[in-house]
Amino acid sequence: GLIPHDYEDGSLDVLVDALARDAKGDLILKDTPDLITLRSNVP
C-alpha cells in the first residue's frame, strides 16, 4: 500500500484521460470507466 498512499495524481490522471471537446470546441468529460469509479469512490 505504499504507492497508493503516497500517490497524489490519481484524480488528475483520470481527468486527463477523460477530457475531450464537443462539436463546438467546449471542454467535456467522457464517461470512462476510471471516471465512473472515481466519482463513485469520491462523492
PDB file of all heavy atoms in Angstrom:
ATOM      1  N   GLY A   1       0.790  -1.225   0.000  1.00  0.00           N
ATOM      2  CA  GLY A   1       0.000   0.000   0.000  1.00  0.00           C
ATOM      3  C   GLY A   1       0.818   1.269   0.000  1.00  0.00           C
ATOM      4  O   GLY A   1       0.276   2.359   0.175  1.00  0.00           O
ATOM      5  N   LEU A   2       2.121   1.156  -0.217  1.00  0.00           N
ATOM      6  CA  LEU A   2       2.951   2.353  -0.176  1.00  0.00           C
ATOM      7  C   LEU A   2       2.694   3.268  -1.370  1.00  0.00           C
ATOM      8  O   LEU A   2       2.624   4.487  -1.242  1.00  0.00           O
ATOM      9  CB  LEU A   2       4.433   1.964  -0.129  1.00  0.00           C
ATOM     10  CG  LEU A   2       4.879   1.231   1.147  1.00  0.00           C
ATOM     11  CD1 LEU A   2       6.347   0.838   1.034  1.00  0.00           C
ATOM     12  CD2 LEU A   2       4.656   2.137   2.368  1.00  0.00           C
ATOM     13  N   ILE A   3       2.535   2.681  -2.547  1.00  0.00           N
ATOM     14  CA  ILE A   3       2.322   3.520  -3.725  1.00  0.00           C
ATOM     15  C   ILE A   3       0.972   4.232  -3.680  1.00  0.00           C
ATOM     16  O   ILE A   3       0.899   5.449  -3.849  1.00  0.00           O
ATOM     17  CB  ILE A   3       2.478   2.683  -5.010  1.00  0.00           C
ATOM     18  CG1 ILE A   3       3.935   2.281  -5.184  1.00  0.00           C
ATOM     19  CG2 ILE A   3       1.999   3.467  -6.224  1.00  0.00           C
ATOM     20  CD1 ILE A   3       4.214   1.492  -6.424  1.00  0.00           C
ATOM     21  N   PRO A   4      -0.169   3.543  -3.401  1.00  0.00           N
ATOM     22  CA  PRO A   4      -1.449   4.267  -3.319  1.00  0.00           C
ATOM     23  C   PRO A   4      -1.459   5.333  -2.224  1.00  0.00           C
ATOM     24  O   PRO A   4      -2.077   6.375  -2.367  1.00  0.00           O
ATOM     25  CB  PRO A   4      -2.456   3.161  -3.032  1.00  0.00           C
ATOM     26  CG  PRO A   4      -1.827   1.933  -3.598  1.00  0.00           C
ATOM     27  CD  PRO A   4      -0.369   2.110  -3.348  1.00  0.00           C
ATOM     28  N   HIS A   5      -0.766   5.058  -1.125  1.00  0.00           N
ATOM     29  CA  HIS A   5      -0.773   6.022  -0.021  1.00  0.00           C
ATOM     30  C   HIS A   5      -0.059   7.323  -0.410  1.00  0.00           C
ATOM     31  O   HIS A   5      -0.490   8.423  -0.061  1.00  0.00           O
ATOM     32  CB  HIS A   5      -0.095   5.395   1.205  1.00  0.00           C
ATOM     33  CG  HIS A   5       0.044   6.356   2.342  1.00  0.00           C
ATOM     34  ND1 HIS A   5      -1.031   6.740   3.126  1.00  0.00           N
ATOM     35  CD2 HIS A   5       1.130   7.025   2.825  1.00  0.00           C
ATOM     36  CE1 HIS A   5      -0.619   7.615   4.046  1.00  0.00           C
ATOM     37  NE2 HIS A   5       0.687   7.791   3.898  1.00  0.00           N
ATOM     38  N   ASP A   6       1.038   7.190  -1.140  1.00  0.00           N
ATOM     39  CA  ASP A   6       1.826   8.378  -1.473  1.00  0.00           C
ATOM     40  C   ASP A   6       1.444   8.995  -2.816  1.00  0.00           C
ATOM     41  O   ASP A   6       1.901  10.096  -3.135  1.00  0.00           O
ATOM     42  CB  ASP A   6       3.322   8.028  -1.491  1.00  0.00           C
ATOM     43  CG  ASP A   6       3.833   7.697  -0.101  1.00  0.00           C
ATOM     44  OD1 ASP A   6       3.262   8.214   0.884  1.00  0.00           O
ATOM     45  OD2 ASP A   6       4.785   6.911  -0.006  1.00  0.00           O
ATOM     46  N   TYR A   7       0.655   8.305  -3.624  1.00  0.00           N
ATOM     47  CA  TYR A   7       0.376   8.791  -4.962  1.00  0.00           C
ATOM     48  C   TYR A   7      -0.652   9.912  -4.900  1.00  0.00           C
ATOM     49  O   TYR A   7      -1.735   9.754  -4.315  1.00  0.00           O
ATOM     50  CB  TYR A   7      -0.132   7.645  -5.835  1.00  0.00           C
ATOM     51  CG  TYR A   7      -0.148   7.976  -7.310  1.00  0.00           C
ATOM     52  CD1 TYR A   7       1.035   8.210  -7.990  1.00  0.00           C
ATOM     53  CD2 TYR A   7      -1.349   8.078  -8.001  1.00  0.00           C
ATOM     54  CE1 TYR A   7       1.033   8.521  -9.336  1.00  0.00           C
ATOM     55  CE2 TYR A   7      -1.366   8.389  -9.352  1.00  0.00           C
ATOM     56  CZ  TYR A   7      -0.159   8.605 -10.007  1.00  0.00           C
ATOM     57  OH  TYR A   7      -0.171   8.906 -11.341  1.00  0.00           O
ATOM     58  N   GLU A   8      -0.361  11.062  -5.515  1.00  0.00           N
ATOM     59  CA  GLU A   8      -1.213  12.241  -5.394  1.00  0.00           C
ATOM     60  C   GLU A   8      -1.816  12.696  -6.710  1.00  0.00           C
ATOM     61  O   GLU A   8      -2.499  13.707  -6.757  1.00  0.00           O
ATOM     62  CB  GLU A   8      -0.404  13.396  -4.803  1.00  0.00           C
ATOM     63  CG  GLU A   8       0.847  13.735  -5.606  1.00  0.00           C
ATOM     64  CD  GLU A   8       1.773  14.710  -4.878  1.00  0.00           C
ATOM     65  OE1 GLU A   8       2.025  14.489  -3.683  1.00  0.00           O
ATOM     66  OE2 GLU A   8       2.216  15.669  -5.525  1.00  0.00           O
ATOM     67  N   ASP A   9      -1.582  11.960  -7.804  1.00  0.00           N
ATOM     68  CA  ASP A   9      -2.096  12.376  -9.108  1.00  0.00           C
ATOM     69  C   ASP A   9      -3.212  11.480  -9.608  1.00  0.00           C
ATOM     70  O   ASP A   9      -3.509  11.457 -10.812  1.00  0.00           O
ATOM     71  CB  ASP A   9      -0.962  12.393 -10.139  1.00  0.00           C
ATOM     72  CG  ASP A   9       0.032  13.510  -9.875  1.00  0.00           C
ATOM     73  OD1 ASP A   9      -0.353  14.492  -9.227  1.00  0.00           O
ATOM     74  OD2 ASP A   9       1.189  13.380 -10.317  1.00  0.00           O
ATOM     75  N   GLY A  10      -3.850  10.702  -8.716  1.00  0.00           N
ATOM     76  CA  GLY A  10      -4.890   9.791  -9.150  1.00  0.00           C
ATOM     77  C   GLY A  10      -6.040  10.498  -9.827  1.00  0.00           C
ATOM     78  O   GLY A  10      -6.479  10.112 -10.913  1.00  0.00           O
ATOM     79  N   SER A  11      -6.592  11.552  -9.216  1.00  0.00           N
ATOM     80  CA  SER A  11      -7.716  12.283  -9.812  1.00  0.00           C
ATOM     81  C   SER A  11      -7.294  12.993 -11.083  1.00  0.00           C
ATOM     82  O   SER A  11      -8.035  13.005 -12.086  1.00  0.00           O
ATOM     83  CB  SER A  11      -8.260  13.313  -8.795  1.00  0.00           C
ATOM     84  OG  SER A  11      -8.736  12.665  -7.636  1.00  0.00           O
ATOM     85  N   LEU A  12      -6.096  13.585 -11.070  1.00  0.00           N
ATOM     86  CA  LEU A  12      -5.603  14.281 -12.257  1.00  0.00           C
ATOM     87  C   LEU A  12      -5.477  13.327 -13.440  1.00  0.00           C
ATOM     88  O   LEU A  12      -5.857  13.661 -14.568  1.00  0.00           O
ATOM     89  CB  LEU A  12      -4.244  14.925 -11.962  1.00  0.00           C
ATOM     90  CG  LEU A  12      -4.272  16.278 -11.235  1.00  0.00           C
ATOM     91  CD1 LEU A  12      -2.881  16.631 -10.746  1.00  0.00           C
ATOM     92  CD2 LEU A  12      -4.783  17.364 -12.169  1.00  0.00           C
ATOM     93  N   ASP A  13      -4.962  12.135 -13.202  1.00  0.00           N
ATOM     94  CA  ASP A  13      -4.785  11.178 -14.298  1.00  0.00           C
ATOM     95  C   ASP A  13      -6.115  10.796 -14.924  1.00  0.00           C
ATOM     96  O   ASP A  13      -6.239  10.698 -16.153  1.00  0.00           O
ATOM     97  CB  ASP A  13      -4.077   9.915 -13.776  1.00  0.00           C
ATOM     98  CG  ASP A  13      -2.623  10.179 -13.402  1.00  0.00           C
ATOM     99  OD1 ASP A  13      -2.058  11.178 -13.894  1.00  0.00           O
ATOM    100  OD2 ASP A  13      -2.052   9.382 -12.627  1.00  0.00           O
ATOM    101  N   VAL A  14      -7.122  10.564 -14.088  1.00  0.00           N
ATOM    102  CA  VAL A  14      -8.435  10.181 -14.608  1.00  0.00           C
ATOM    103  C   VAL A  14      -9.048  11.311 -15.427  1.00  0.00           C
ATOM    104  O   VAL A  14      -9.606  11.094 -16.506  1.00  0.00           O
ATOM    105  CB  VAL A  14      -9.362   9.787 -13.442  1.00  0.00           C
ATOM    106  CG1 VAL A  14     -10.779   9.526 -13.962  1.00  0.00           C
ATOM    107  CG2 VAL A  14      -8.828   8.542 -12.740  1.00  0.00           C
ATOM    108  N   LEU A  15      -8.922  12.550 -14.920  1.00  0.00           N
ATOM    109  CA  LEU A  15      -9.490  13.691 -15.647  1.00  0.00           C
ATOM    110  C   LEU A  15      -8.768  13.925 -16.970  1.00  0.00           C
ATOM    111  O   LEU A  15      -9.392  14.260 -17.978  1.00  0.00           O
ATOM    112  CB  LEU A  15      -9.406  14.948 -14.770  1.00  0.00           C
ATOM    113  CG  LEU A  15     -10.258  14.927 -13.490  1.00  0.00           C
ATOM    114  CD1 LEU A  15      -9.975  16.156 -12.640  1.00  0.00           C
ATOM    115  CD2 LEU A  15     -11.743  14.840 -13.830  1.00  0.00           C
ATOM    116  N   VAL A  16      -7.452  13.764 -17.000  1.00  0.00           N
ATOM    117  CA  VAL A  16      -6.687  13.942 -18.237  1.00  0.00           C
ATOM    118  C   VAL A  16      -7.129  12.926 -19.291  1.00  0.00           C
ATOM    119  O   VAL A  16      -7.309  13.258 -20.466  1.00  0.00           O
ATOM    120  CB  VAL A  16      -5.174  13.804 -17.953  1.00  0.00           C
ATOM    121  CG1 VAL A  16      -4.397  13.660 -19.255  1.00  0.00           C
ATOM    122  CG2 VAL A  16      -4.666  15.010 -17.170  1.00  0.00           C
ATOM    123  N   ASP A  17      -7.364  11.659 -18.881  1.00  0.00           N
ATOM    124  CA  ASP A  17      -7.761  10.616 -19.847  1.00  0.00           C
ATOM    125  C   ASP A  17      -9.182  10.820 -20.342  1.00  0.00           C
ATOM    126  O   ASP A  17      -9.502  10.444 -21.482  1.00  0.00           O
ATOM    127  CB  ASP A  17      -7.633   9.235 -19.189  1.00  0.00           C
ATOM    128  CG  ASP A  17      -6.185   8.844 -18.951  1.00  0.00           C
ATOM    129  OD1 ASP A  17      -5.301   9.464 -19.571  1.00  0.00           O
ATOM    130  OD2 ASP A  17      -5.931   7.929 -18.145  1.00  0.00           O
ATOM    131  N   ALA A  18     -10.041  11.398 -19.507  1.00  0.00           N
ATOM    132  CA  ALA A  18     -11.455  11.532 -19.881  1.00  0.00           C
ATOM    133  C   ALA A  18     -11.760  12.828 -20.622  1.00  0.00           C
ATOM    134  O   ALA A  18     -12.849  12.969 -21.209  1.00  0.00           O
ATOM    135  CB  ALA A  18     -12.326  11.444 -18.627  1.00  0.00           C
ATOM    136  N   LEU A  19     -10.855  13.782 -20.623  1.00  0.00           N
ATOM    137  CA  LEU A  19     -11.131  15.102 -21.192  1.00  0.00           C
ATOM    138  C   LEU A  19     -11.183  15.049 -22.720  1.00  0.00           C
ATOM    139  O   LEU A  19     -10.379  14.388 -23.361  1.00  0.00           O
ATOM    140  CB  LEU A  19     -10.066  16.106 -20.747  1.00  0.00           C
ATOM    141  CG  LEU A  19     -10.351  17.583 -21.037  1.00  0.00           C
ATOM    142  CD1 LEU A  19     -11.602  18.051 -20.302  1.00  0.00           C
ATOM    143  CD2 LEU A  19      -9.145  18.431 -20.639  1.00  0.00           C
ATOM    144  N   ALA A  20     -12.153  15.785 -23.305  1.00  0.00           N
ATOM    145  CA  ALA A  20     -12.301  15.865 -24.763  1.00  0.00           C
ATOM    146  C   ALA A  20     -13.028  17.174 -25.083  1.00  0.00           C
ATOM    147  O   ALA A  20     -13.280  18.003 -24.195  1.00  0.00           O
ATOM    148  CB  ALA A  20     -13.079  14.659 -25.271  1.00  0.00           C
ATOM    149  N   ARG A  21     -13.349  17.391 -26.353  1.00  0.00           N
ATOM    150  CA  ARG A  21     -14.085  18.577 -26.786  1.00  0.00           C
ATOM    151  C   ARG A  21     -15.314  18.129 -27.589  1.00  0.00           C
ATOM    152  O   ARG A  21     -15.273  17.114 -28.286  1.00  0.00           O
ATOM    153  CB  ARG A  21     -13.206  19.493 -27.628  1.00  0.00           C
ATOM    154  CG  ARG A  21     -12.083  20.155 -26.857  1.00  0.00           C
ATOM    155  CD  ARG A  21     -11.315  21.138 -27.724  1.00  0.00           C
ATOM    156  NE  ARG A  21     -10.144  21.661 -27.025  1.00  0.00           N
ATOM    157  CZ  ARG A  21     -10.171  22.753 -26.252  1.00  0.00           C
ATOM    158  NH1 ARG A  21     -11.330  23.419 -26.093  1.00  0.00           N
ATOM    159  NH2 ARG A  21      -9.082  23.186 -25.653  1.00  0.00           N
ATOM    160  N   ASP A  22     -16.362  18.942 -27.470  1.00  0.00           N
ATOM    161  CA  ASP A  22     -17.551  18.652 -28.256  1.00  0.00           C
ATOM    162  C   ASP A  22     -17.443  19.322 -29.620  1.00  0.00           C
ATOM    163  O   ASP A  22     -16.406  19.870 -29.984  1.00  0.00           O
ATOM    164  CB  ASP A  22     -18.810  19.078 -27.512  1.00  0.00           C
ATOM    165  CG  ASP A  22     -18.806  20.582 -27.206  1.00  0.00           C
ATOM    166  OD1 ASP A  22     -17.967  21.316 -27.792  1.00  0.00           O
ATOM    167  OD2 ASP A  22     -19.629  21.034 -26.382  1.00  0.00           O
ATOM    168  N   ALA A  23     -18.544  19.293 -30.380  1.00  0.00           N
ATOM    169  CA  ALA A  23     -18.524  19.859 -31.730  1.00  0.00           C
ATOM    170  C   ALA A  23     -18.293  21.357 -31.734  1.00  0.00           C
ATOM    171  O   ALA A  23     -17.760  21.914 -32.701  1.00  0.00           O
ATOM    172  CB  ALA A  23     -19.842  19.523 -32.435  1.00  0.00           C
ATOM    173  N   LYS A  24     -18.678  22.020 -30.650  1.00  0.00           N
ATOM    174  CA  LYS A  24     -18.490  23.469 -30.563  1.00  0.00           C
ATOM    175  C   LYS A  24     -17.091  23.844 -30.087  1.00  0.00           C
ATOM    176  O   LYS A  24     -16.740  25.024 -30.064  1.00  0.00           O
ATOM    177  CB  LYS A  24     -19.524  24.079 -29.621  1.00  0.00           C
ATOM    178  CG  LYS A  24     -20.960  23.900 -30.100  1.00  0.00           C
ATOM    179  CD  LYS A  24     -21.926  24.524 -29.105  1.00  0.00           C
ATOM    180  CE  LYS A  24     -23.377  24.325 -29.528  1.00  0.00           C
ATOM    181  NZ  LYS A  24     -24.334  24.946 -28.555  1.00  0.00           N
ATOM    182  N   GLY A  25     -16.312  22.870 -29.635  1.00  0.00           N
ATOM    183  CA  GLY A  25     -14.979  23.160 -29.119  1.00  0.00           C
ATOM    184  C   GLY A  25     -14.953  23.327 -27.624  1.00  0.00           C
ATOM    185  O   GLY A  25     -13.908  23.673 -27.052  1.00  0.00           O
ATOM    186  N   ASP A  26     -16.089  23.130 -26.957  1.00  0.00           N
ATOM    187  CA  ASP A  26     -16.117  23.252 -25.500  1.00  0.00           C
ATOM    188  C   ASP A  26     -15.518  22.000 -24.860  1.00  0.00           C
ATOM    189  O   ASP A  26     -15.563  20.893 -25.427  1.00  0.00           O
ATOM    190  CB  ASP A  26     -17.550  23.447 -25.012  1.00  0.00           C
ATOM    191  CG  ASP A  26     -18.141  24.765 -25.488  1.00  0.00           C
ATOM    192  OD1 ASP A  26     -17.349  25.713 -25.677  1.00  0.00           O
ATOM    193  OD2 ASP A  26     -19.371  24.828 -25.694  1.00  0.00           O
ATOM    194  N   LEU A  27     -15.018  22.183 -23.648  1.00  0.00           N
ATOM    195  CA  LEU A  27     -14.420  21.070 -22.908  1.00  0.00           C
ATOM    196  C   LEU A  27     -15.516  20.190 -22.325  1.00  0.00           C
ATOM    197  O   LEU A  27     -16.487  20.679 -21.737  1.00  0.00           O
ATOM    198  CB  LEU A  27     -13.523  21.591 -21.794  1.00  0.00           C
ATOM    199  CG  LEU A  27     -12.297  22.412 -22.234  1.00  0.00           C
ATOM    200  CD1 LEU A  27     -11.600  23.033 -21.028  1.00  0.00           C
ATOM    201  CD2 LEU A  27     -11.318  21.540 -23.012  1.00  0.00           C
ATOM    202  N   ILE A  28     -15.361  18.861 -22.476  1.00  0.00           N
ATOM    203  CA  ILE A  28     -16.310  17.909 -21.900  1.00  0.00           C
ATOM    204  C   ILE A  28     -15.518  16.740 -21.321  1.00  0.00           C
ATOM    205  O   ILE A  28     -14.346  16.530 -21.637  1.00  0.00           O
ATOM    206  CB  ILE A  28     -17.306  17.395 -22.957  1.00  0.00           C
ATOM    207  CG1 ILE A  28     -16.558  16.669 -24.096  1.00  0.00           C
ATOM    208  CG2 ILE A  28     -18.187  18.528 -23.485  1.00  0.00           C
ATOM    209  CD1 ILE A  28     -17.474  15.967 -25.071  1.00  0.00           C
ATOM    210  N   LEU A  29     -16.212  15.963 -20.476  1.00  0.00           N
ATOM    211  CA  LEU A  29     -15.619  14.751 -19.909  1.00  0.00           C
ATOM    212  C   LEU A  29     -16.381  13.540 -20.419  1.00  0.00           C
ATOM    213  O   LEU A  29     -17.618  13.491 -20.338  1.00  0.00           O
ATOM    214  CB  LEU A  29     -15.672  14.788 -18.375  1.00  0.00           C
ATOM    215  CG  LEU A  29     -14.689  15.727 -17.676  1.00  0.00           C
ATOM    216  CD1 LEU A  29     -14.922  15.697 -16.160  1.00  0.00           C
ATOM    217  CD2 LEU A  29     -13.253  15.354 -17.978  1.00  0.00           C
ATOM    218  N   LYS A  30     -15.661  12.571 -20.941  1.00  0.00           N
ATOM    219  CA  LYS A  30     -16.278  11.315 -21.363  1.00  0.00           C
ATOM    220  C   LYS A  30     -16.423  10.396 -20.148  1.00  0.00           C
ATOM    221  O   LYS A  30     -15.574  10.412 -19.233  1.00  0.00           O
ATOM    222  CB  LYS A  30     -15.411  10.639 -22.419  1.00  0.00           C
ATOM    223  CG  LYS A  30     -15.267  11.441 -23.698  1.00  0.00           C
ATOM    224  CD  LYS A  30     -14.437  10.706 -24.743  1.00  0.00           C
ATOM    225  CE  LYS A  30     -13.000  10.560 -24.284  1.00  0.00           C
ATOM    226  NZ  LYS A  30     -12.150   9.934 -25.336  1.00  0.00           N
ATOM    227  N   ASP A  31     -17.486   9.630 -20.141  1.00  0.00           N
ATOM    228  CA  ASP A  31     -17.732   8.732 -19.010  1.00  0.00           C
ATOM    229  C   ASP A  31     -16.866   7.473 -19.148  1.00  0.00           C
ATOM    230  O   ASP A  31     -17.331   6.388 -19.522  1.00  0.00           O
ATOM    231  CB  ASP A  31     -19.215   8.359 -18.945  1.00  0.00           C
ATOM    232  CG  ASP A  31     -20.078   9.528 -18.510  1.00  0.00           C
ATOM    233  OD1 ASP A  31     -19.567  10.381 -17.766  1.00  0.00           O
ATOM    234  OD2 ASP A  31     -21.249   9.592 -18.930  1.00  0.00           O
ATOM    235  N   THR A  32     -15.605   7.638 -18.868  1.00  0.00           N
ATOM    236  CA  THR A  32     -14.689   6.488 -18.905  1.00  0.00           C
ATOM    237  C   THR A  32     -14.887   5.643 -17.657  1.00  0.00           C
ATOM    238  O   THR A  32     -15.394   6.118 -16.637  1.00  0.00           O
ATOM    239  CB  THR A  32     -13.235   6.972 -18.983  1.00  0.00           C
ATOM    240  OG1 THR A  32     -12.933   7.730 -17.800  1.00  0.00           O
ATOM    241  CG2 THR A  32     -13.011   7.855 -20.209  1.00  0.00           C
ATOM    242  N   PRO A  33     -14.523   4.354 -17.716  1.00  0.00           N
ATOM    243  CA  PRO A  33     -14.646   3.505 -16.519  1.00  0.00           C
ATOM    244  C   PRO A  33     -13.896   4.088 -15.321  1.00  0.00           C
ATOM    245  O   PRO A  33     -14.384   4.007 -14.191  1.00  0.00           O
ATOM    246  CB  PRO A  33     -14.038   2.177 -16.971  1.00  0.00           C
ATOM    247  CG  PRO A  33     -14.244   2.150 -18.442  1.00  0.00           C
ATOM    248  CD  PRO A  33     -14.087   3.573 -18.899  1.00  0.00           C
ATOM    249  N   ASP A  34     -12.712   4.683 -15.559  1.00  0.00           N
ATOM    250  CA  ASP A  34     -11.959   5.254 -14.445  1.00  0.00           C
ATOM    251  C   ASP A  34     -12.688   6.452 -13.843  1.00  0.00           C
ATOM    252  O   ASP A  34     -12.690   6.650 -12.616  1.00  0.00           O
ATOM    253  CB  ASP A  34     -10.559   5.678 -14.926  1.00  0.00           C
ATOM    254  CG  ASP A  34      -9.648   4.489 -15.177  1.00  0.00           C
ATOM    255  OD1 ASP A  34      -9.964   3.382 -14.684  1.00  0.00           O
ATOM    256  OD2 ASP A  34      -8.625   4.645 -15.868  1.00  0.00           O
ATOM    257  N   LEU A  35     -13.350   7.278 -14.692  1.00  0.00           N
ATOM    258  CA  LEU A  35     -14.086   8.440 -14.182  1.00  0.00           C
ATOM    259  C   LEU A  35     -15.302   8.009 -13.381  1.00  0.00           C
ATOM    260  O   LEU A  35     -15.619   8.595 -12.324  1.00  0.00           O
ATOM    261  CB  LEU A  35     -14.492   9.343 -15.345  1.00  0.00           C
ATOM    262  CG  LEU A  35     -15.236  10.631 -14.972  1.00  0.00           C
ATOM    263  CD1 LEU A  35     -14.385  11.506 -14.044  1.00  0.00           C
ATOM    264  CD2 LEU A  35     -15.617  11.424 -16.236  1.00  0.00           C
ATOM    265  N   ILE A  36     -15.990   6.983 -13.878  1.00  0.00           N
ATOM    266  CA  ILE A  36     -17.150   6.474 -13.125  1.00  0.00           C
ATOM    267  C   ILE A  36     -16.704   5.933 -11.774  1.00  0.00           C
ATOM    268  O   ILE A  36     -17.347   6.173 -10.741  1.00  0.00           O
ATOM    269  CB  ILE A  36     -17.847   5.365 -13.954  1.00  0.00           C
ATOM    270  CG1 ILE A  36     -18.441   5.970 -15.237  1.00  0.00           C
ATOM    271  CG2 ILE A  36     -18.924   4.681 -13.135  1.00  0.00           C
ATOM    272  CD1 ILE A  36     -18.991   4.932 -16.200  1.00  0.00           C
ATOM    273  N   THR A  37     -15.582   5.192 -11.766  1.00  0.00           N
ATOM    274  CA  THR A  37     -15.071   4.653 -10.498  1.00  0.00           C
ATOM    275  C   THR A  37     -14.648   5.780  -9.568  1.00  0.00           C
ATOM    276  O   THR A  37     -14.893   5.732  -8.344  1.00  0.00           O
ATOM    277  CB  THR A  37     -13.873   3.731 -10.773  1.00  0.00           C
ATOM    278  OG1 THR A  37     -14.269   2.671 -11.640  1.00  0.00           O
ATOM    279  CG2 THR A  37     -13.324   3.137  -9.490  1.00  0.00           C
ATOM    280  N   LEU A  38     -14.007   6.829 -10.111  1.00  0.00           N
ATOM    281  CA  LEU A  38     -13.572   7.956  -9.290  1.00  0.00           C
ATOM    282  C   LEU A  38     -14.765   8.670  -8.654  1.00  0.00           C
ATOM    283  O   LEU A  38     -14.738   8.999  -7.456  1.00  0.00           O
ATOM    284  CB  LEU A  38     -12.750   8.927 -10.152  1.00  0.00           C
ATOM    285  CG  LEU A  38     -12.228  10.178  -9.448  1.00  0.00           C
ATOM    286  CD1 LEU A  38     -11.253   9.802  -8.331  1.00  0.00           C
ATOM    287  CD2 LEU A  38     -11.553  11.121 -10.453  1.00  0.00           C
ATOM    288  N   ARG A  39     -15.790   8.911  -9.420  1.00  0.00           N
ATOM    289  CA  ARG A  39     -16.972   9.586  -8.869  1.00  0.00           C
ATOM    290  C   ARG A  39     -17.643   8.724  -7.819  1.00  0.00           C
ATOM    291  O   ARG A  39     -18.227   9.251  -6.849  1.00  0.00           O
ATOM    292  CB  ARG A  39     -17.938   9.908 -10.003  1.00  0.00           C
ATOM    293  CG  ARG A  39     -17.512  11.122 -10.829  1.00  0.00           C
ATOM    294  CD  ARG A  39     -18.379  11.300 -12.051  1.00  0.00           C
ATOM    295  NE  ARG A  39     -18.071  12.560 -12.748  1.00  0.00           N
ATOM    296  CZ  ARG A  39     -18.431  12.850 -13.983  1.00  0.00           C
ATOM    297  NH1 ARG A  39     -19.123  11.935 -14.696  1.00  0.00           N
ATOM    298  NH2 ARG A  39     -18.121  14.009 -14.522  1.00  0.00           N
ATOM    299  N   SER A  40     -17.595   7.397  -7.998  1.00  0.00           N
ATOM    300  CA  SER A  40     -18.204   6.509  -7.008  1.00  0.00           C
ATOM    301  C   SER A  40     -17.399   6.481  -5.713  1.00  0.00           C
ATOM    302  O   SER A  40     -17.971   6.468  -4.609  1.00  0.00           O
ATOM    303  CB  SER A  40     -18.318   5.095  -7.591  1.00  0.00           C
ATOM    304  OG  SER A  40     -18.776   4.173  -6.633  1.00  0.00           O
ATOM    305  N   ASN A  41     -16.061   6.483  -5.844  1.00  0.00           N
ATOM    306  CA  ASN A  41     -15.208   6.405  -4.653  1.00  0.00           C
ATOM    307  C   ASN A  41     -15.054   7.752  -3.953  1.00  0.00           C
ATOM    308  O   ASN A  41     -14.734   7.795  -2.758  1.00  0.00           O
ATOM    309  CB  ASN A  41     -13.826   5.864  -5.047  1.00  0.00           C
ATOM    310  CG  ASN A  41     -13.879   4.425  -5.526  1.00  0.00           C
ATOM    311  OD1 ASN A  41     -14.814   3.687  -5.192  1.00  0.00           O
ATOM    312  ND2 ASN A  41     -12.878   4.030  -6.319  1.00  0.00           N
ATOM    313  N   VAL A  42     -15.234   8.855  -4.718  1.00  0.00           N
ATOM    314  CA  VAL A  42     -15.045  10.199  -4.146  1.00  0.00           C
ATOM    315  C   VAL A  42     -16.354  10.989  -4.367  1.00  0.00           C
ATOM    316  O   VAL A  42     -16.504  11.707  -5.374  1.00  0.00           O
ATOM    317  CB  VAL A  42     -13.840  10.916  -4.790  1.00  0.00           C
ATOM    318  CG1 VAL A  42     -13.593  12.257  -4.095  1.00  0.00           C
ATOM    319  CG2 VAL A  42     -12.596  10.047  -4.747  1.00  0.00           C
ATOM    320  N   PRO A  43     -17.296  10.859  -3.436  1.00  0.00           N
ATOM    321  CA  PRO A  43     -18.591  11.558  -3.632  1.00  0.00           C
ATOM    322  C   PRO A  43     -18.463  13.082  -3.710  1.00  0.00           C
ATOM    323  O   PRO A  43     -19.237  13.730  -4.411  1.00  0.00           O
ATOM    324  CB  PRO A  43     -19.406  11.138  -2.405  1.00  0.00           C
ATOM    325  CG  PRO A  43     -18.750   9.869  -1.920  1.00  0.00           C
ATOM    326  CD  PRO A  43     -17.301  10.041  -2.224  1.00  0.00           C
TER     327      PRO A  43
END
